[in-house]
Amino acid sequence: MLALLLLQAAIPQTALDAERAFNAAAQAKGQWTAFREFMTEDAVIFMPQPVPAKEALPEKNPPIAVQWWAAKSFVSCDGSVAVNTGSWMRPRANGYFTTVWVRQPDGAYKWIYDGGDQLAAPRSLPEKPQVVRASCGGHPEIDMGGCLSATEMGCYAAADQSLQAHWTWVAGRRSFSVAIWTGRGWKTVLEDVVERAG
């Protein structure tokens, strides 16, 4: 019983907890080691085109890992999918990130999408990350159209269909958006666009 309680305590309970644990692991174990530890088997990253993370992540960790902090977390009603966004920093560079987290059967969160871009100046960070949860009222329906298997687009939807995220890659232009169910309809809460190819 004690072992079960300790295991439950070690598993991040929210996507924000998972983001913090991910960043802490990058500082302690190495950047790419942490990326592998926290990702799903079908995770996607951009280099600059979309590629499977398990095939593209470098083997050697950089001497100084990137650091990042979430500013907002958009969470489905059932907590099965969440999207965090915030700022990252490394020596002589900074930018923003967006991570899609999917809750696993054991209750832990793993990332399935990691994107972002470099910025000339860092985005401001709130004292405490803002959490926006989808409504549990009503019965949203999503037609995902089979795009999870496409190579130039991807979609992620919560098990209760109260949150959906989409990304596309067309001629070097990457877009990403998140919509949550309000109880009456869909509201787009995040849109990122990266215009350049690399």
N, C-alpha and C. Protein backbone atom coordinates (compact mmCIF):
# COMPACT_ATOMS: atom_id res chain seq x y z
N MET A 1 0.82 -1.19 0.00
CA MET A 1 0.00 0.00 0.00
C MET A 1 0.87 1.26 0.00
N LEU A 2 1.91 1.27 0.81
CA LEU A 2 2.81 2.41 0.87
C LEU A 2 3.48 2.64 -0.48
N ALA A 3 3.91 1.55 -1.13
CA ALA A 3 4.56 1.67 -2.44
C ALA A 3 3.60 2.29 -3.46
N LEU A 4 2.33 1.91 -3.42
CA LEU A 4 1.33 2.45 -4.34
C LEU A 4 1.14 3.94 -4.10
N LEU A 5 1.07 4.34 -2.83
CA LEU A 5 0.92 5.76 -2.50
C LEU A 5 2.14 6.56 -2.94
N LEU A 6 3.33 6.02 -2.77
CA LEU A 6 4.54 6.72 -3.20
C LEU A 6 4.58 6.86 -4.71
N LEU A 7 4.15 5.81 -5.44
CA LEU A 7 4.11 5.86 -6.90
C LEU A 7 3.13 6.92 -7.37
N GLN A 8 1.95 6.97 -6.75
CA GLN A 8 0.96 7.97 -7.12
C GLN A 8 1.48 9.37 -6.84
N ALA A 9 2.19 9.54 -5.74
CA ALA A 9 2.74 10.86 -5.41
C ALA A 9 3.81 11.29 -6.40
N ALA A 10 4.53 10.33 -7.00
CA ALA A 10 5.60 10.65 -7.93
C ALA A 10 5.08 11.00 -9.32
N ILE A 11 3.86 10.56 -9.66
CA ILE A 11 3.29 10.82 -10.98
C ILE A 11 2.72 12.24 -11.01
N PRO A 12 3.15 13.08 -11.98
CA PRO A 12 2.57 14.42 -12.08
C PRO A 12 1.05 14.35 -12.21
N GLN A 13 0.34 15.12 -11.40
CA GLN A 13 -1.12 15.06 -11.36
C GLN A 13 -1.79 15.94 -12.40
N THR A 14 -1.11 16.96 -12.90
CA THR A 14 -1.65 17.84 -13.93
C THR A 14 -0.62 18.00 -15.03
N ALA A 15 -1.06 18.57 -16.14
CA ALA A 15 -0.13 18.84 -17.24
C ALA A 15 0.89 19.90 -16.84
N LEU A 16 0.51 20.83 -15.98
CA LEU A 16 1.48 21.82 -15.49
C LEU A 16 2.54 21.14 -14.63
N ASP A 17 2.12 20.19 -13.79
CA ASP A 17 3.08 19.41 -13.00
C ASP A 17 4.04 18.67 -13.92
N ALA A 18 3.48 18.08 -15.00
CA ALA A 18 4.31 17.34 -15.95
C ALA A 18 5.31 18.26 -16.63
N GLU A 19 4.87 19.48 -16.98
CA GLU A 19 5.77 20.45 -17.64
C GLU A 19 6.92 20.81 -16.71
N ARG A 20 6.60 21.04 -15.44
CA ARG A 20 7.64 21.38 -14.46
C ARG A 20 8.62 20.22 -14.28
N ALA A 21 8.08 19.00 -14.20
CA ALA A 21 8.94 17.82 -14.04
C ALA A 21 9.81 17.61 -15.28
N PHE A 22 9.26 17.85 -16.45
CA PHE A 22 9.98 17.74 -17.71
C PHE A 22 11.16 18.71 -17.73
N ASN A 23 10.91 19.97 -17.38
CA ASN A 23 11.97 20.97 -17.35
C ASN A 23 13.03 20.61 -16.31
N ALA A 24 12.59 20.16 -15.13
CA ALA A 24 13.54 19.78 -14.07
C ALA A 24 14.41 18.61 -14.53
N ALA A 25 13.82 17.65 -15.23
CA ALA A 25 14.59 16.50 -15.73
C ALA A 25 15.60 16.94 -16.78
N ALA A 26 15.22 17.92 -17.60
CA ALA A 26 16.16 18.42 -18.62
C ALA A 26 17.39 19.04 -17.95
N GLN A 27 17.18 19.75 -16.85
CA GLN A 27 18.31 20.37 -16.15
C GLN A 27 19.16 19.32 -15.43
N ALA A 28 18.52 18.28 -14.89
CA ALA A 28 19.23 17.28 -14.09
C ALA A 28 19.85 16.16 -14.92
N LYS A 29 19.15 15.72 -15.96
CA LYS A 29 19.59 14.55 -16.72
C LYS A 29 20.10 14.87 -18.12
N GLY A 30 19.78 16.05 -18.61
CA GLY A 30 20.14 16.41 -19.98
C GLY A 30 18.89 16.63 -20.81
N GLN A 31 18.99 17.57 -21.73
CA GLN A 31 17.83 18.01 -22.51
C GLN A 31 17.16 16.88 -23.28
N TRP A 32 17.91 16.20 -24.15
CA TRP A 32 17.29 15.18 -25.01
C TRP A 32 16.94 13.91 -24.23
N THR A 33 17.65 13.66 -23.15
CA THR A 33 17.30 12.54 -22.27
C THR A 33 15.90 12.77 -21.70
N ALA A 34 15.63 14.01 -21.26
CA ALA A 34 14.32 14.34 -20.70
C ALA A 34 13.25 14.30 -21.78
N PHE A 35 13.57 14.79 -22.98
CA PHE A 35 12.58 14.74 -24.05
C PHE A 35 12.13 13.31 -24.31
N ARG A 36 13.08 12.38 -24.33
CA ARG A 36 12.73 10.96 -24.55
C ARG A 36 11.93 10.38 -23.38
N GLU A 37 12.31 10.74 -22.18
CA GLU A 37 11.65 10.20 -20.99
C GLU A 37 10.18 10.59 -20.91
N PHE A 38 9.84 11.80 -21.38
CA PHE A 38 8.49 12.32 -21.21
C PHE A 38 7.63 12.24 -22.47
N MET A 39 8.11 11.64 -23.55
CA MET A 39 7.34 11.64 -24.79
C MET A 39 6.57 10.33 -25.01
N THR A 40 5.54 10.42 -25.85
CA THR A 40 4.83 9.23 -26.29
C THR A 40 5.60 8.60 -27.46
N GLU A 41 5.26 7.39 -27.82
CA GLU A 41 5.93 6.71 -28.94
C GLU A 41 5.72 7.43 -30.26
N ASP A 42 4.57 8.10 -30.41
CA ASP A 42 4.26 8.76 -31.68
C ASP A 42 4.41 10.29 -31.60
N ALA A 43 5.23 10.77 -30.67
CA ALA A 43 5.44 12.21 -30.51
C ALA A 43 6.04 12.83 -31.76
N VAL A 44 5.67 14.10 -32.00
CA VAL A 44 6.11 14.85 -33.19
C VAL A 44 6.85 16.11 -32.75
N ILE A 45 7.97 16.39 -33.43
CA ILE A 45 8.67 17.65 -33.27
C ILE A 45 8.93 18.23 -34.66
N PHE A 46 9.46 19.45 -34.72
CA PHE A 46 9.67 20.14 -36.00
C PHE A 46 11.13 20.52 -36.16
N MET A 47 11.73 20.15 -37.34
CA MET A 47 13.17 20.37 -37.56
C MET A 47 13.50 20.87 -38.97
N PRO A 48 12.93 21.81 -39.59
CA PRO A 48 11.71 22.51 -39.20
C PRO A 48 10.45 21.76 -39.63
N GLN A 49 10.56 20.75 -40.51
CA GLN A 49 9.40 19.98 -40.93
C GLN A 49 9.00 19.00 -39.84
N PRO A 50 7.75 18.52 -39.83
CA PRO A 50 7.33 17.57 -38.80
C PRO A 50 8.02 16.23 -38.96
N VAL A 51 8.57 15.71 -37.87
CA VAL A 51 9.25 14.41 -37.89
C VAL A 51 8.93 13.66 -36.59
N PRO A 52 8.96 12.32 -36.64
CA PRO A 52 8.78 11.56 -35.40
C PRO A 52 9.92 11.86 -34.43
N ALA A 53 9.59 12.23 -33.22
CA ALA A 53 10.60 12.61 -32.24
C ALA A 53 11.56 11.46 -31.96
N LYS A 54 11.07 10.23 -31.90
CA LYS A 54 11.94 9.10 -31.55
C LYS A 54 13.03 8.87 -32.59
N GLU A 55 12.81 9.36 -33.82
CA GLU A 55 13.83 9.21 -34.87
C GLU A 55 14.73 10.43 -34.99
N ALA A 56 14.26 11.59 -34.53
CA ALA A 56 14.96 12.84 -34.81
C ALA A 56 15.72 13.44 -33.64
N LEU A 57 15.37 13.06 -32.42
CA LEU A 57 16.05 13.68 -31.28
C LEU A 57 17.54 13.31 -31.27
N PRO A 58 18.41 14.30 -31.08
CA PRO A 58 19.84 14.00 -31.03
C PRO A 58 20.19 13.07 -29.87
N GLU A 59 21.24 12.30 -30.03
CA GLU A 59 21.70 11.40 -28.98
C GLU A 59 22.44 12.17 -27.88
N LYS A 60 23.23 13.15 -28.29
CA LYS A 60 24.07 13.88 -27.33
C LYS A 60 23.34 15.09 -26.78
N ASN A 61 23.31 15.19 -25.45
CA ASN A 61 22.70 16.35 -24.80
C ASN A 61 23.59 17.58 -24.96
N PRO A 62 23.00 18.77 -25.14
CA PRO A 62 23.82 19.99 -25.16
C PRO A 62 24.39 20.25 -23.77
N PRO A 63 25.50 20.98 -23.67
CA PRO A 63 26.10 21.23 -22.35
C PRO A 63 25.19 22.00 -21.41
N ILE A 64 24.34 22.87 -21.97
CA ILE A 64 23.37 23.62 -21.16
C ILE A 64 21.99 23.37 -21.76
N ALA A 65 21.10 22.84 -20.95
CA ALA A 65 19.75 22.54 -21.43
C ALA A 65 18.91 23.81 -21.52
N VAL A 66 18.00 23.82 -22.49
CA VAL A 66 17.02 24.89 -22.57
C VAL A 66 16.16 24.85 -21.30
N GLN A 67 15.72 26.02 -20.85
CA GLN A 67 14.82 26.09 -19.70
C GLN A 67 13.50 26.70 -20.17
N TRP A 68 12.40 26.25 -19.59
CA TRP A 68 11.11 26.78 -20.01
C TRP A 68 10.13 26.82 -18.85
N TRP A 69 9.12 27.71 -19.00
CA TRP A 69 8.13 27.94 -17.97
C TRP A 69 6.78 28.14 -18.64
N ALA A 70 5.77 27.43 -18.17
CA ALA A 70 4.42 27.56 -18.73
C ALA A 70 3.75 28.84 -18.24
N ALA A 71 3.05 29.51 -19.16
CA ALA A 71 2.27 30.70 -18.81
C ALA A 71 0.78 30.36 -18.80
N LYS A 72 0.35 29.44 -19.68
CA LYS A 72 -1.05 29.05 -19.77
C LYS A 72 -1.16 27.55 -19.98
N SER A 73 -2.25 27.00 -19.47
CA SER A 73 -2.55 25.58 -19.67
C SER A 73 -4.03 25.46 -20.02
N PHE A 74 -4.30 24.89 -21.19
CA PHE A 74 -5.67 24.67 -21.64
C PHE A 74 -5.96 23.18 -21.46
N VAL A 75 -7.00 22.86 -20.70
CA VAL A 75 -7.23 21.49 -20.26
C VAL A 75 -8.64 21.05 -20.64
N SER A 76 -8.75 19.82 -21.15
CA SER A 76 -10.07 19.28 -21.44
C SER A 76 -10.83 19.06 -20.14
N CYS A 77 -12.16 18.94 -20.22
CA CYS A 77 -12.97 18.73 -19.01
C CYS A 77 -12.50 17.49 -18.25
N ASP A 78 -12.23 16.40 -18.97
CA ASP A 78 -11.82 15.15 -18.30
C ASP A 78 -10.34 15.07 -17.99
N GLY A 79 -9.56 16.08 -18.41
CA GLY A 79 -8.13 16.09 -18.14
C GLY A 79 -7.32 15.14 -18.99
N SER A 80 -7.91 14.53 -20.02
CA SER A 80 -7.17 13.55 -20.83
C SER A 80 -6.17 14.20 -21.77
N VAL A 81 -6.41 15.44 -22.17
CA VAL A 81 -5.49 16.18 -23.04
C VAL A 81 -5.37 17.60 -22.52
N ALA A 82 -4.15 18.13 -22.54
CA ALA A 82 -3.92 19.51 -22.14
C ALA A 82 -2.85 20.11 -23.04
N VAL A 83 -2.91 21.41 -23.21
CA VAL A 83 -1.93 22.13 -24.02
C VAL A 83 -1.33 23.23 -23.16
N ASN A 84 -0.02 23.18 -22.99
CA ASN A 84 0.70 24.22 -22.24
C ASN A 84 1.46 25.10 -23.21
N THR A 85 1.54 26.37 -22.90
CA THR A 85 2.34 27.29 -23.70
C THR A 85 3.02 28.28 -22.76
N GLY A 86 4.20 28.73 -23.16
CA GLY A 86 4.96 29.64 -22.32
C GLY A 86 6.25 30.06 -22.98
N SER A 87 7.24 30.40 -22.18
CA SER A 87 8.52 30.91 -22.69
C SER A 87 9.66 29.94 -22.43
N TRP A 88 10.64 29.95 -23.35
CA TRP A 88 11.86 29.18 -23.15
C TRP A 88 13.06 30.11 -23.26
N MET A 89 14.17 29.64 -22.70
CA MET A 89 15.40 30.45 -22.72
C MET A 89 16.60 29.52 -22.75
N ARG A 90 17.59 29.88 -23.53
CA ARG A 90 18.89 29.23 -23.51
C ARG A 90 19.92 30.32 -23.76
N PRO A 91 21.21 30.04 -23.60
CA PRO A 91 22.20 31.11 -23.80
C PRO A 91 22.04 31.80 -25.15
N ARG A 92 21.90 33.10 -25.11
CA ARG A 92 21.81 33.96 -26.29
C ARG A 92 20.59 33.69 -27.16
N ALA A 93 19.53 33.12 -26.62
CA ALA A 93 18.30 32.90 -27.39
C ALA A 93 17.12 32.71 -26.45
N ASN A 94 15.95 33.07 -26.95
CA ASN A 94 14.71 32.84 -26.19
C ASN A 94 13.55 32.75 -27.17
N GLY A 95 12.43 32.25 -26.67
CA GLY A 95 11.27 32.11 -27.53
C GLY A 95 10.08 31.58 -26.76
N TYR A 96 9.13 31.00 -27.50
CA TYR A 96 7.95 30.43 -26.87
C TYR A 96 7.83 28.96 -27.25
N PHE A 97 7.10 28.20 -26.45
CA PHE A 97 6.87 26.79 -26.74
C PHE A 97 5.40 26.47 -26.58
N THR A 98 4.98 25.40 -27.22
CA THR A 98 3.65 24.84 -27.05
C THR A 98 3.79 23.33 -26.99
N THR A 99 3.25 22.72 -25.95
CA THR A 99 3.35 21.28 -25.74
C THR A 99 1.96 20.69 -25.55
N VAL A 100 1.65 19.63 -26.30
CA VAL A 100 0.40 18.90 -26.10
C VAL A 100 0.70 17.69 -25.22
N TRP A 101 -0.03 17.58 -24.12
CA TRP A 101 0.15 16.49 -23.15
C TRP A 101 -1.05 15.56 -23.19
N VAL A 102 -0.79 14.26 -23.17
CA VAL A 102 -1.84 13.24 -23.19
C VAL A 102 -1.69 12.38 -21.93
N ARG A 103 -2.77 12.24 -21.19
CA ARG A 103 -2.72 11.42 -19.98
C ARG A 103 -2.66 9.94 -20.34
N GLN A 104 -1.76 9.21 -19.69
CA GLN A 104 -1.53 7.80 -19.95
C GLN A 104 -2.39 6.94 -19.03
N PRO A 105 -2.51 5.63 -19.33
CA PRO A 105 -3.33 4.75 -18.49
C PRO A 105 -2.93 4.76 -17.01
N ASP A 106 -1.65 5.00 -16.70
CA ASP A 106 -1.22 5.02 -15.30
C ASP A 106 -1.46 6.38 -14.62
N GLY A 107 -2.04 7.32 -15.37
CA GLY A 107 -2.32 8.64 -14.81
C GLY A 107 -1.26 9.68 -15.12
N ALA A 108 -0.08 9.25 -15.56
CA ALA A 108 0.99 10.19 -15.90
C ALA A 108 0.67 10.89 -17.22
N TYR A 109 1.28 12.05 -17.43
CA TYR A 109 1.16 12.76 -18.70
C TYR A 109 2.44 12.58 -19.51
N LYS A 110 2.28 12.42 -20.83
CA LYS A 110 3.41 12.41 -21.75
C LYS A 110 3.11 13.36 -22.89
N TRP A 111 4.16 13.98 -23.43
CA TRP A 111 3.93 14.93 -24.53
C TRP A 111 3.88 14.18 -25.86
N ILE A 112 3.01 14.69 -26.74
CA ILE A 112 2.84 14.10 -28.06
C ILE A 112 3.18 15.11 -29.17
N TYR A 113 3.22 16.38 -28.80
CA TYR A 113 3.54 17.46 -29.75
C TYR A 113 4.38 18.49 -29.02
N ASP A 114 5.47 18.90 -29.66
CA ASP A 114 6.30 19.96 -29.10
C ASP A 114 6.64 20.92 -30.22
N GLY A 115 6.22 22.16 -30.09
CA GLY A 115 6.50 23.17 -31.10
C GLY A 115 6.83 24.49 -30.45
N GLY A 116 7.09 25.48 -31.27
CA GLY A 116 7.41 26.80 -30.77
C GLY A 116 8.28 27.54 -31.77
N ASP A 117 8.87 28.62 -31.33
CA ASP A 117 9.70 29.42 -32.23
C ASP A 117 10.59 30.34 -31.39
N GLN A 118 11.61 30.87 -32.04
CA GLN A 118 12.49 31.84 -31.40
C GLN A 118 11.85 33.22 -31.51
N LEU A 119 12.08 34.06 -30.52
CA LEU A 119 11.55 35.42 -30.51
C LEU A 119 12.68 36.41 -30.26
N ALA A 120 12.50 37.64 -30.75
CA ALA A 120 13.51 38.67 -30.51
C ALA A 120 13.55 39.06 -29.04
N ALA A 121 12.39 39.06 -28.40
CA ALA A 121 12.31 39.39 -26.97
C ALA A 121 11.41 38.36 -26.30
N PRO A 122 11.72 37.97 -25.09
CA PRO A 122 10.89 36.95 -24.42
C PRO A 122 9.50 37.45 -24.11
N ARG A 123 8.52 36.53 -24.12
CA ARG A 123 7.17 36.87 -23.70
C ARG A 123 7.16 37.02 -22.18
N SER A 124 6.28 37.89 -21.70
CA SER A 124 6.18 38.05 -20.25
C SER A 124 5.51 36.83 -19.64
N LEU A 125 5.89 36.52 -18.42
CA LEU A 125 5.34 35.37 -17.71
C LEU A 125 4.54 35.85 -16.51
N PRO A 126 3.35 35.29 -16.30
CA PRO A 126 2.59 35.66 -15.10
C PRO A 126 3.24 35.05 -13.87
N GLU A 127 2.87 35.56 -12.72
CA GLU A 127 3.40 35.02 -11.47
C GLU A 127 2.98 33.56 -11.29
N LYS A 128 1.76 33.25 -11.73
CA LYS A 128 1.22 31.90 -11.64
C LYS A 128 0.58 31.56 -12.98
N PRO A 129 0.85 30.37 -13.55
CA PRO A 129 0.25 30.02 -14.84
C PRO A 129 -1.27 30.04 -14.78
N GLN A 130 -1.88 30.50 -15.88
CA GLN A 130 -3.33 30.53 -15.99
C GLN A 130 -3.82 29.18 -16.51
N VAL A 131 -4.82 28.62 -15.85
CA VAL A 131 -5.40 27.35 -16.28
C VAL A 131 -6.81 27.62 -16.82
N VAL A 132 -7.06 27.19 -18.05
CA VAL A 132 -8.37 27.34 -18.68
C VAL A 132 -8.90 25.94 -18.96
N ARG A 133 -10.00 25.58 -18.31
CA ARG A 133 -10.57 24.24 -18.46
C ARG A 133 -11.81 24.30 -19.33
N ALA A 134 -11.94 23.33 -20.23
CA ALA A 134 -13.12 23.23 -21.07
C ALA A 134 -14.35 22.94 -20.23
N SER A 135 -15.51 23.34 -20.73
CA SER A 135 -16.76 23.07 -20.04
C SER A 135 -17.09 21.57 -20.08
N CYS A 136 -17.73 21.12 -19.03
CA CYS A 136 -18.20 19.73 -18.97
C CYS A 136 -19.66 19.64 -19.39
N GLY A 137 -20.28 20.77 -19.72
CA GLY A 137 -21.68 20.77 -20.12
C GLY A 137 -21.86 20.57 -21.61
N GLY A 138 -23.00 20.01 -21.99
CA GLY A 138 -23.27 19.80 -23.40
C GLY A 138 -22.56 18.57 -23.93
N HIS A 139 -22.71 18.31 -25.20
CA HIS A 139 -22.13 17.11 -25.80
C HIS A 139 -21.46 17.48 -27.13
N PRO A 140 -20.23 17.98 -27.08
CA PRO A 140 -19.54 18.35 -28.33
C PRO A 140 -19.24 17.13 -29.18
N GLU A 141 -19.26 17.32 -30.48
CA GLU A 141 -18.89 16.26 -31.40
C GLU A 141 -17.80 16.77 -32.31
N ILE A 142 -16.78 15.95 -32.50
CA ILE A 142 -15.64 16.32 -33.33
C ILE A 142 -15.48 15.28 -34.43
N ASP A 143 -15.34 15.73 -35.65
CA ASP A 143 -14.99 14.84 -36.75
C ASP A 143 -13.51 15.07 -37.05
N MET A 144 -12.67 14.17 -36.56
CA MET A 144 -11.22 14.35 -36.73
C MET A 144 -10.75 14.04 -38.14
N GLY A 145 -11.56 13.40 -38.95
CA GLY A 145 -11.23 13.21 -40.36
C GLY A 145 -10.02 12.35 -40.64
N GLY A 146 -9.58 11.57 -39.68
CA GLY A 146 -8.45 10.67 -39.93
C GLY A 146 -7.12 11.36 -40.09
N CYS A 147 -6.99 12.62 -39.67
CA CYS A 147 -5.75 13.35 -39.94
C CYS A 147 -4.61 12.97 -39.02
N LEU A 148 -4.84 12.12 -38.03
CA LEU A 148 -3.74 11.70 -37.16
C LEU A 148 -2.68 10.93 -37.93
N SER A 149 -3.05 10.32 -39.06
CA SER A 149 -2.09 9.52 -39.82
C SER A 149 -1.41 10.32 -40.93
N ALA A 150 -1.81 11.58 -41.11
CA ALA A 150 -1.22 12.39 -42.17
C ALA A 150 0.18 12.85 -41.80
N THR A 151 1.00 13.15 -42.82
CA THR A 151 2.37 13.59 -42.56
C THR A 151 2.49 15.10 -42.50
N GLU A 152 1.50 15.85 -42.98
CA GLU A 152 1.57 17.29 -43.00
C GLU A 152 0.51 17.95 -42.12
N MET A 153 -0.17 17.15 -41.32
CA MET A 153 -1.11 17.71 -40.38
C MET A 153 -1.36 16.72 -39.26
N GLY A 154 -1.81 17.21 -38.15
CA GLY A 154 -2.11 16.33 -37.02
C GLY A 154 -3.21 16.92 -36.17
N CYS A 155 -3.93 16.06 -35.51
CA CYS A 155 -5.04 16.48 -34.65
C CYS A 155 -5.00 15.69 -33.36
N TYR A 156 -5.35 16.34 -32.28
CA TYR A 156 -5.43 15.67 -30.99
C TYR A 156 -6.74 16.09 -30.34
N ALA A 157 -7.51 15.14 -29.87
CA ALA A 157 -8.78 15.45 -29.22
C ALA A 157 -8.86 14.73 -27.89
N ALA A 158 -9.46 15.38 -26.91
CA ALA A 158 -9.67 14.77 -25.61
C ALA A 158 -10.64 13.61 -25.73
N ALA A 159 -10.55 12.68 -24.80
CA ALA A 159 -11.45 11.52 -24.80
C ALA A 159 -12.91 11.96 -24.71
N ASP A 160 -13.17 13.04 -23.97
CA ASP A 160 -14.55 13.54 -23.85
C ASP A 160 -14.88 14.57 -24.92
N GLN A 161 -13.95 14.80 -25.85
CA GLN A 161 -14.11 15.70 -26.99
C GLN A 161 -14.34 17.15 -26.60
N SER A 162 -13.85 17.57 -25.43
CA SER A 162 -14.04 18.95 -25.01
C SER A 162 -12.87 19.86 -25.37
N LEU A 163 -11.81 19.30 -25.91
CA LEU A 163 -10.65 20.08 -26.36
C LEU A 163 -10.11 19.44 -27.62
N GLN A 164 -9.73 20.27 -28.59
CA GLN A 164 -9.10 19.76 -29.79
C GLN A 164 -7.95 20.68 -30.20
N ALA A 165 -6.89 20.08 -30.67
CA ALA A 165 -5.72 20.82 -31.14
C ALA A 165 -5.38 20.35 -32.54
N HIS A 166 -4.96 21.26 -33.41
CA HIS A 166 -4.62 20.94 -34.80
C HIS A 166 -3.30 21.59 -35.17
N TRP A 167 -2.48 20.89 -35.93
CA TRP A 167 -1.32 21.52 -36.53
C TRP A 167 -1.27 21.18 -38.02
N THR A 168 -0.71 22.10 -38.81
CA THR A 168 -0.50 21.87 -40.24
C THR A 168 0.89 22.34 -40.61
N TRP A 169 1.42 21.72 -41.66
CA TRP A 169 2.72 22.11 -42.21
C TRP A 169 2.53 22.18 -43.73
N VAL A 170 2.54 23.40 -44.27
CA VAL A 170 2.31 23.59 -45.70
C VAL A 170 3.36 24.55 -46.24
N ALA A 171 4.19 24.06 -47.17
CA ALA A 171 5.22 24.87 -47.83
C ALA A 171 6.07 25.65 -46.84
N GLY A 172 6.47 24.99 -45.74
CA GLY A 172 7.35 25.63 -44.77
C GLY A 172 6.64 26.50 -43.75
N ARG A 173 5.33 26.61 -43.86
CA ARG A 173 4.55 27.41 -42.91
C ARG A 173 3.85 26.46 -41.94
N ARG A 174 4.11 26.67 -40.65
CA ARG A 174 3.51 25.81 -39.63
C ARG A 174 2.47 26.59 -38.84
N SER A 175 1.32 25.98 -38.65
CA SER A 175 0.29 26.60 -37.82
C SER A 175 -0.18 25.61 -36.77
N PHE A 176 -0.63 26.13 -35.65
CA PHE A 176 -1.10 25.31 -34.54
C PHE A 176 -2.24 26.05 -33.87
N SER A 177 -3.31 25.35 -33.56
CA SER A 177 -4.44 26.00 -32.89
C SER A 177 -5.08 25.06 -31.88
N VAL A 178 -5.70 25.66 -30.88
CA VAL A 178 -6.41 24.91 -29.84
C VAL A 178 -7.79 25.52 -29.69
N ALA A 179 -8.79 24.66 -29.60
CA ALA A 179 -10.16 25.10 -29.34
C ALA A 179 -10.71 24.30 -28.16
N ILE A 180 -11.47 24.97 -27.31
CA ILE A 180 -12.11 24.28 -26.19
C ILE A 180 -13.62 24.46 -26.27
N TRP A 181 -14.33 23.52 -25.70
CA TRP A 181 -15.78 23.55 -25.65
C TRP A 181 -16.22 24.43 -24.49
N THR A 182 -17.13 25.37 -24.77
CA THR A 182 -17.59 26.31 -23.74
C THR A 182 -18.90 25.88 -23.09
N GLY A 183 -19.52 24.82 -23.59
CA GLY A 183 -20.84 24.42 -23.15
C GLY A 183 -21.90 24.79 -24.16
N ARG A 184 -21.56 25.78 -24.99
CA ARG A 184 -22.48 26.23 -26.04
C ARG A 184 -21.87 26.12 -27.43
N GLY A 185 -20.57 26.12 -27.48
CA GLY A 185 -19.89 26.06 -28.77
C GLY A 185 -18.39 26.00 -28.57
N TRP A 186 -17.67 26.09 -29.69
CA TRP A 186 -16.21 26.03 -29.67
C TRP A 186 -15.60 27.41 -29.60
N LYS A 187 -14.54 27.55 -28.80
CA LYS A 187 -13.81 28.81 -28.70
C LYS A 187 -12.32 28.53 -28.96
N THR A 188 -11.76 29.24 -29.94
CA THR A 188 -10.33 29.12 -30.20
C THR A 188 -9.58 29.91 -29.13
N VAL A 189 -8.68 29.23 -28.42
CA VAL A 189 -7.99 29.86 -27.30
C VAL A 189 -6.49 30.05 -27.56
N LEU A 190 -5.99 29.45 -28.63
CA LEU A 190 -4.56 29.59 -28.95
C LEU A 190 -4.34 29.40 -30.43
N GLU A 191 -3.58 30.30 -31.04
CA GLU A 191 -3.19 30.17 -32.44
C GLU A 191 -1.74 30.61 -32.57
N ASP A 192 -0.90 29.72 -33.08
CA ASP A 192 0.50 30.05 -33.34
C ASP A 192 0.78 29.81 -34.82
N VAL A 193 1.57 30.70 -35.41
CA VAL A 193 1.97 30.54 -36.81
C VAL A 193 3.46 30.81 -36.92
N VAL A 194 4.17 29.90 -37.59
CA VAL A 194 5.58 30.09 -37.88
C VAL A 194 5.69 30.17 -39.40
N GLU A 195 6.02 31.35 -39.91
CA GLU A 195 5.99 31.58 -41.36
C GLU A 195 7.17 30.99 -42.10
N ARG A 196 8.35 30.99 -41.49
CA ARG A 196 9.54 30.60 -42.23
C ARG A 196 9.77 29.07 -42.16
N ALA A 197 10.53 28.57 -43.12
CA ALA A 197 10.78 27.13 -43.20
C ALA A 197 11.87 26.68 -42.24
N GLY A 198 12.78 27.51 -41.86
CA GLY A 198 13.82 27.03 -40.98
C GLY A 198 14.71 28.09 -40.43
